[in-house]
């Protein structure tokens, strides 16, 4: 028997879901090959692309499956024989509702970290573009001055560039 529990935040990103599962200690494992699929058993069946957790119930390992645009947790609604299969012995089984509430918070945190990384990458890209524009303008000004017969001396102070143009008249 399976049940679907709705969360306020849909789990749409595989990368963020894996990060959040890792954060809550669910030890996620992506089923990415048919070989892995043949080695595992589950009453409801497994598919390539499922994300296994270390949580086990009557049906087998609880796992996430992409259904449309979102990942949904597949589990036994009664949570019969619920347990944690973990490398760490201090893990206690929590109800699915508690687990999903904690996972939802971790997913939101992972999403915020992603947004911060993207904002930082955008800021760095804009800064590189600005530096490239300044350098191109500097080279163009020097080239134009030399074409008109000026000698150019460059001074840099406090992040600013000052070009001193001189021309000797005989």
C-alpha atoms as a PDB file:
ATOM      1  CA  UNK A   1       0.000   0.000   0.000  1.00  0.00           C
ATOM      2  CA  UNK A   2       1.294   3.480  -0.845  1.00  0.00           C
ATOM      3  CA  UNK A   3       0.297   6.960   0.168  1.00  0.00           C
ATOM      4  CA  UNK A   4       1.033  10.405  -1.131  1.00  0.00           C
ATOM      5  CA  UNK A   5       1.696  13.131   1.405  1.00  0.00           C
ATOM      6  CA  UNK A   6       1.633  16.674   0.071  1.00  0.00           C
ATOM      7  CA  UNK A   7       4.323  19.153   1.045  1.00  0.00           C
ATOM      8  CA  UNK A   8       4.085  22.898   0.645  1.00  0.00           C
ATOM      9  CA  UNK A   9       7.290  22.935  -1.390  1.00  0.00           C
ATOM     10  CA  UNK A  10       7.302  20.605  -4.405  1.00  0.00           C
ATOM     11  CA  UNK A  11      10.556  18.690  -4.826  1.00  0.00           C
ATOM     12  CA  UNK A  12      11.285  19.566  -8.464  1.00  0.00           C
ATOM     13  CA  UNK A  13      15.087  19.519  -8.605  1.00  0.00           C
ATOM     14  CA  UNK A  14      16.969  16.240  -8.352  1.00  0.00           C
ATOM     15  CA  UNK A  15      20.176  17.997  -7.301  1.00  0.00           C
ATOM     16  CA  UNK A  16      18.476  19.962  -4.528  1.00  0.00           C
ATOM     17  CA  UNK A  17      16.560  16.890  -3.351  1.00  0.00           C
ATOM     18  CA  UNK A  18      19.768  14.841  -3.140  1.00  0.00           C
ATOM     19  CA  UNK A  19      21.455  17.673  -1.211  1.00  0.00           C
ATOM     20  CA  UNK A  20      18.499  17.986   1.181  1.00  0.00           C
ATOM     21  CA  UNK A  21      18.311  14.207   1.737  1.00  0.00           C
ATOM     22  CA  UNK A  22      22.017  14.191   2.542  1.00  0.00           C
ATOM     23  CA  UNK A  23      21.499  17.072   4.988  1.00  0.00           C
ATOM     24  CA  UNK A  24      18.756  15.231   6.916  1.00  0.00           C
ATOM     25  CA  UNK A  25      20.835  12.043   7.038  1.00  0.00           C
ATOM     26  CA  UNK A  26      18.758   9.937   4.629  1.00  0.00           C
ATOM     27  CA  UNK A  27      21.886   8.747   2.777  1.00  0.00           C
ATOM     28  CA  UNK A  28      20.375   9.093  -0.721  1.00  0.00           C
ATOM     29  CA  UNK A  29      21.370   6.772  -3.542  1.00  0.00           C
ATOM     30  CA  UNK A  30      20.383   7.462  -7.141  1.00  0.00           C
ATOM     31  CA  UNK A  31      19.374   4.389  -9.128  1.00  0.00           C
ATOM     32  CA  UNK A  32      21.169   5.256 -12.339  1.00  0.00           C
ATOM     33  CA  UNK A  33      21.681   1.880 -13.981  1.00  0.00           C
ATOM     34  CA  UNK A  34      19.796  -1.297 -14.769  1.00  0.00           C
ATOM     35  CA  UNK A  35      22.517  -3.246 -12.944  1.00  0.00           C
ATOM     36  CA  UNK A  36      21.701  -1.498  -9.671  1.00  0.00           C
ATOM     37  CA  UNK A  37      18.018  -2.077 -10.351  1.00  0.00           C
ATOM     38  CA  UNK A  38      18.473  -5.852 -10.661  1.00  0.00           C
ATOM     39  CA  UNK A  39      20.286  -6.005  -7.307  1.00  0.00           C
ATOM     40  CA  UNK A  40      17.453  -4.381  -5.318  1.00  0.00           C
ATOM     41  CA  UNK A  41      13.968  -5.609  -4.446  1.00  0.00           C
ATOM     42  CA  UNK A  42      10.861  -3.581  -3.624  1.00  0.00           C
ATOM     43  CA  UNK A  43       7.214  -4.673  -3.503  1.00  0.00           C
ATOM     44  CA  UNK A  44       6.068  -1.684  -5.565  1.00  0.00           C
ATOM     45  CA  UNK A  45       8.926  -1.986  -8.051  1.00  0.00           C
ATOM     46  CA  UNK A  46      11.848   0.305  -8.686  1.00  0.00           C
ATOM     47  CA  UNK A  47      12.847   2.261 -11.769  1.00  0.00           C
ATOM     48  CA  UNK A  48      16.046   3.806 -13.049  1.00  0.00           C
ATOM     49  CA  UNK A  49      16.005   7.404 -11.792  1.00  0.00           C
ATOM     50  CA  UNK A  50      14.490   6.609  -8.370  1.00  0.00           C
ATOM     51  CA  UNK A  51      16.274   8.078  -5.353  1.00  0.00           C
ATOM     52  CA  UNK A  52      16.593   5.554  -2.522  1.00  0.00           C
ATOM     53  CA  UNK A  53      16.758   6.558   1.139  1.00  0.00           C
ATOM     54  CA  UNK A  54      18.016   4.648   4.159  1.00  0.00           C
ATOM     55  CA  UNK A  55      14.413   4.357   5.436  1.00  0.00           C
ATOM     56  CA  UNK A  56      12.801   0.916   5.163  1.00  0.00           C
ATOM     57  CA  UNK A  57       9.203  -0.168   5.644  1.00  0.00           C
ATOM     58  CA  UNK A  58       7.068  -3.197   4.798  1.00  0.00           C
ATOM     59  CA  UNK A  59       7.454  -2.630   1.031  1.00  0.00           C
ATOM     60  CA  UNK A  60      11.227  -2.128   1.127  1.00  0.00           C
ATOM     61  CA  UNK A  61      13.357   0.989   0.896  1.00  0.00           C
ATOM     62  CA  UNK A  62      11.386   4.209   0.837  1.00  0.00           C
ATOM     63  CA  UNK A  63      12.310   6.152  -2.259  1.00  0.00           C
ATOM     64  CA  UNK A  64      11.485   9.191  -4.342  1.00  0.00           C
ATOM     65  CA  UNK A  65      10.214   8.833  -7.885  1.00  0.00           C
ATOM     66  CA  UNK A  66       9.747  11.585 -10.436  1.00  0.00           C
ATOM     67  CA  UNK A  67       6.049  11.853 -11.269  1.00  0.00           C
ATOM     68  CA  UNK A  68       5.498  14.571 -13.843  1.00  0.00           C
ATOM     69  CA  UNK A  69       7.509  17.576 -12.702  1.00  0.00           C
ATOM     70  CA  UNK A  70       7.925  16.609  -9.029  1.00  0.00           C
ATOM     71  CA  UNK A  71       9.545  13.894  -6.939  1.00  0.00           C
ATOM     72  CA  UNK A  72       7.172  12.002  -4.650  1.00  0.00           C
ATOM     73  CA  UNK A  73       8.045   9.747  -1.724  1.00  0.00           C
ATOM     74  CA  UNK A  74       6.845   6.156  -2.219  1.00  0.00           C
ATOM     75  CA  UNK A  75       6.273   4.352   1.077  1.00  0.00           C
ATOM     76  CA  UNK A  76       3.921   2.111   3.070  1.00  0.00           C
ATOM     77  CA  UNK A  77       1.038   4.244   4.371  1.00  0.00           C
ATOM     78  CA  UNK A  78       0.895   2.281   7.641  1.00  0.00           C
ATOM     79  CA  UNK A  79       4.683   2.519   8.102  1.00  0.00           C
ATOM     80  CA  UNK A  80       4.655  -1.116   9.152  1.00  0.00           C
ATOM     81  CA  UNK A  81       8.142  -2.314  10.192  1.00  0.00           C
ATOM     82  CA  UNK A  82       9.591   1.180   9.759  1.00  0.00           C
ATOM     83  CA  UNK A  83      13.340   1.253  10.327  1.00  0.00           C
ATOM     84  CA  UNK A  84      16.536   2.980   9.287  1.00  0.00           C
ATOM     85  CA  UNK A  85      19.252   1.086   7.423  1.00  0.00           C
ATOM     86  CA  UNK A  86      22.280   3.259   8.079  1.00  0.00           C
ATOM     87  CA  UNK A  87      26.019   3.238   8.451  1.00  0.00           C
ATOM     88  CA  UNK A  88      25.451   5.348  11.580  1.00  0.00           C
ATOM     89  CA  UNK A  89      23.791   3.503  14.442  1.00  0.00           C
ATOM     90  CA  UNK A  90      22.306   6.591  16.130  1.00  0.00           C
ATOM     91  CA  UNK A  91      19.582   7.097  13.506  1.00  0.00           C
ATOM     92  CA  UNK A  92      16.012   6.731  14.773  1.00  0.00           C
ATOM     93  CA  UNK A  93      12.997   6.160  12.536  1.00  0.00           C
ATOM     94  CA  UNK A  94      10.687   9.187  12.343  1.00  0.00           C
ATOM     95  CA  UNK A  95       7.217   9.169  10.885  1.00  0.00           C
ATOM     96  CA  UNK A  96       6.899  10.048   7.207  1.00  0.00           C
ATOM     97  CA  UNK A  97       5.160  13.313   8.089  1.00  0.00           C
ATOM     98  CA  UNK A  98       8.018  14.391  10.382  1.00  0.00           C
ATOM     99  CA  UNK A  99      10.612  13.230   7.863  1.00  0.00           C
ATOM    100  CA  UNK A 100       8.996  15.191   5.010  1.00  0.00           C
ATOM    101  CA  UNK A 101       8.635  18.310   7.183  1.00  0.00           C
ATOM    102  CA  UNK A 102      12.344  18.175   8.024  1.00  0.00           C
ATOM    103  CA  UNK A 103      13.217  17.408   4.397  1.00  0.00           C
ATOM    104  CA  UNK A 104      11.129  20.341   3.202  1.00  0.00           C
ATOM    105  CA  UNK A 105      13.133  22.709   5.424  1.00  0.00           C
ATOM    106  CA  UNK A 106      16.421  21.252   4.171  1.00  0.00           C
ATOM    107  CA  UNK A 107      15.196  21.540   0.554  1.00  0.00           C
ATOM    108  CA  UNK A 108      14.351  25.227   1.068  1.00  0.00           C
ATOM    109  CA  UNK A 109      17.818  25.770   2.583  1.00  0.00           C
ATOM    110  CA  UNK A 110      19.454  24.025  -0.380  1.00  0.00           C
ATOM    111  CA  UNK A 111      17.393  26.198  -2.754  1.00  0.00           C
ATOM    112  CA  UNK A 112      18.518  29.370  -0.932  1.00  0.00           C
ATOM    113  CA  UNK A 113      22.164  28.251  -1.168  1.00  0.00           C
ATOM    114  CA  UNK A 114      21.675  27.648  -4.898  1.00  0.00           C
ATOM    115  CA  UNK A 115      20.204  31.134  -5.350  1.00  0.00           C
ATOM    116  CA  UNK A 116      23.130  32.647  -3.436  1.00  0.00           C
ATOM    117  CA  UNK A 117      25.650  30.752  -5.601  1.00  0.00           C
ATOM    118  CA  UNK A 118      23.888  31.891  -8.778  1.00  0.00           C
ATOM    119  CA  UNK A 119      23.786  35.507  -7.564  1.00  0.00           C
ATOM    120  CA  UNK A 120      27.510  35.369  -6.731  1.00  0.00           C
ATOM    121  CA  UNK A 121      28.327  33.886 -10.155  1.00  0.00           C
ATOM    122  CA  UNK A 122      26.279  36.642 -11.829  1.00  0.00           C
ATOM    123  CA  UNK A 123      28.049  39.315  -9.752  1.00  0.00           C
ATOM    124  CA  UNK A 124      31.445  37.891 -10.749  1.00  0.00           C
ATOM    125  CA  UNK A 125      30.416  37.729 -14.419  1.00  0.00           C
ATOM    126  CA  UNK A 126      29.309  41.375 -14.360  1.00  0.00           C
ATOM    127  CA  UNK A 127      32.556  42.392 -12.646  1.00  0.00           C
ATOM    128  CA  UNK A 128      34.604  40.565 -15.294  1.00  0.00           C
ATOM    129  CA  UNK A 129      32.626  42.290 -18.045  1.00  0.00           C
ATOM    130  CA  UNK A 130      33.230  45.668 -16.372  1.00  0.00           C
ATOM    131  CA  UNK A 131      36.985  45.017 -16.094  1.00  0.00           C
ATOM    132  CA  UNK A 132      37.092  43.935 -19.751  1.00  0.00           C
ATOM    133  CA  UNK A 133      35.244  47.136 -20.832  1.00  0.00           C
ATOM    134  CA  UNK A 134      37.632  49.318 -18.830  1.00  0.00           C
ATOM    135  CA  UNK A 135      40.642  47.558 -20.322  1.00  0.00           C
ATOM    136  CA  UNK A 136      39.255  47.859 -23.854  1.00  0.00           C
ATOM    137  CA  UNK A 137      38.565  51.575 -23.337  1.00  0.00           C
ATOM    138  CA  UNK A 138      42.079  52.099 -21.944  1.00  0.00           C
ATOM    139  CA  UNK A 139      43.720  50.316 -24.888  1.00  0.00           C
ATOM    140  CA  UNK A 140      41.584  52.232 -27.398  1.00  0.00           C
ATOM    141  CA  UNK A 141      42.477  55.587 -25.794  1.00  0.00           C
ATOM    142  CA  UNK A 142      46.188  54.738 -25.791  1.00  0.00           C
ATOM    143  CA  UNK A 143      46.058  53.579 -29.415  1.00  0.00           C
ATOM    144  CA  UNK A 144      44.222  56.722 -30.519  1.00  0.00           C
ATOM    145  CA  UNK A 145      46.633  58.992 -28.619  1.00  0.00           C
ATOM    146  CA  UNK A 146      49.696  57.315 -30.119  1.00  0.00           C
ATOM    147  CA  UNK A 147      48.156  57.595 -33.610  1.00  0.00           C
ATOM    148  CA  UNK A 148      47.912  61.367 -33.048  1.00  0.00           C
ATOM    149  CA  UNK A 149      51.548  61.583 -31.979  1.00  0.00           C
ATOM    150  CA  UNK A 150      51.252  61.625 -28.191  1.00  0.00           C
ATOM    151  CA  UNK A 151      53.430  59.685 -25.796  1.00  0.00           C
ATOM    152  CA  UNK A 152      51.391  58.047 -23.062  1.00  0.00           C
ATOM    153  CA  UNK A 153      52.246  57.590 -19.388  1.00  0.00           C
ATOM    154  CA  UNK A 154      49.866  55.575 -17.266  1.00  0.00           C
ATOM    155  CA  UNK A 155      49.303  56.002 -13.531  1.00  0.00           C
ATOM    156  CA  UNK A 156      47.104  53.755 -11.418  1.00  0.00           C
ATOM    157  CA  UNK A 157      45.890  54.932  -8.046  1.00  0.00           C
ATOM    158  CA  UNK A 158      43.008  53.739  -5.858  1.00  0.00           C
ATOM    159  CA  UNK A 159      41.660  51.471  -8.598  1.00  0.00           C
ATOM    160  CA  UNK A 160      41.564  54.303 -11.119  1.00  0.00           C
ATOM    161  CA  UNK A 161      43.595  54.705 -14.290  1.00  0.00           C
ATOM    162  CA  UNK A 162      45.038  58.079 -15.259  1.00  0.00           C
ATOM    163  CA  UNK A 163      46.594  58.563 -18.686  1.00  0.00           C
ATOM    164  CA  UNK A 164      48.996  61.460 -19.137  1.00  0.00           C
ATOM    165  CA  UNK A 165      49.419  62.415 -22.806  1.00  0.00           C
ATOM    166  CA  UNK A 166      52.387  64.509 -23.891  1.00  0.00           C
ATOM    167  CA  UNK A 167      53.508  65.666 -27.263  1.00  0.00           C
ATOM    168  CA  UNK A 168      56.820  67.333 -28.024  1.00  0.00           C
ATOM    169  CA  UNK A 169      56.697  70.065 -30.627  1.00  0.00           C
ATOM    170  CA  UNK A 170      60.016  70.880 -32.391  1.00  0.00           C
END
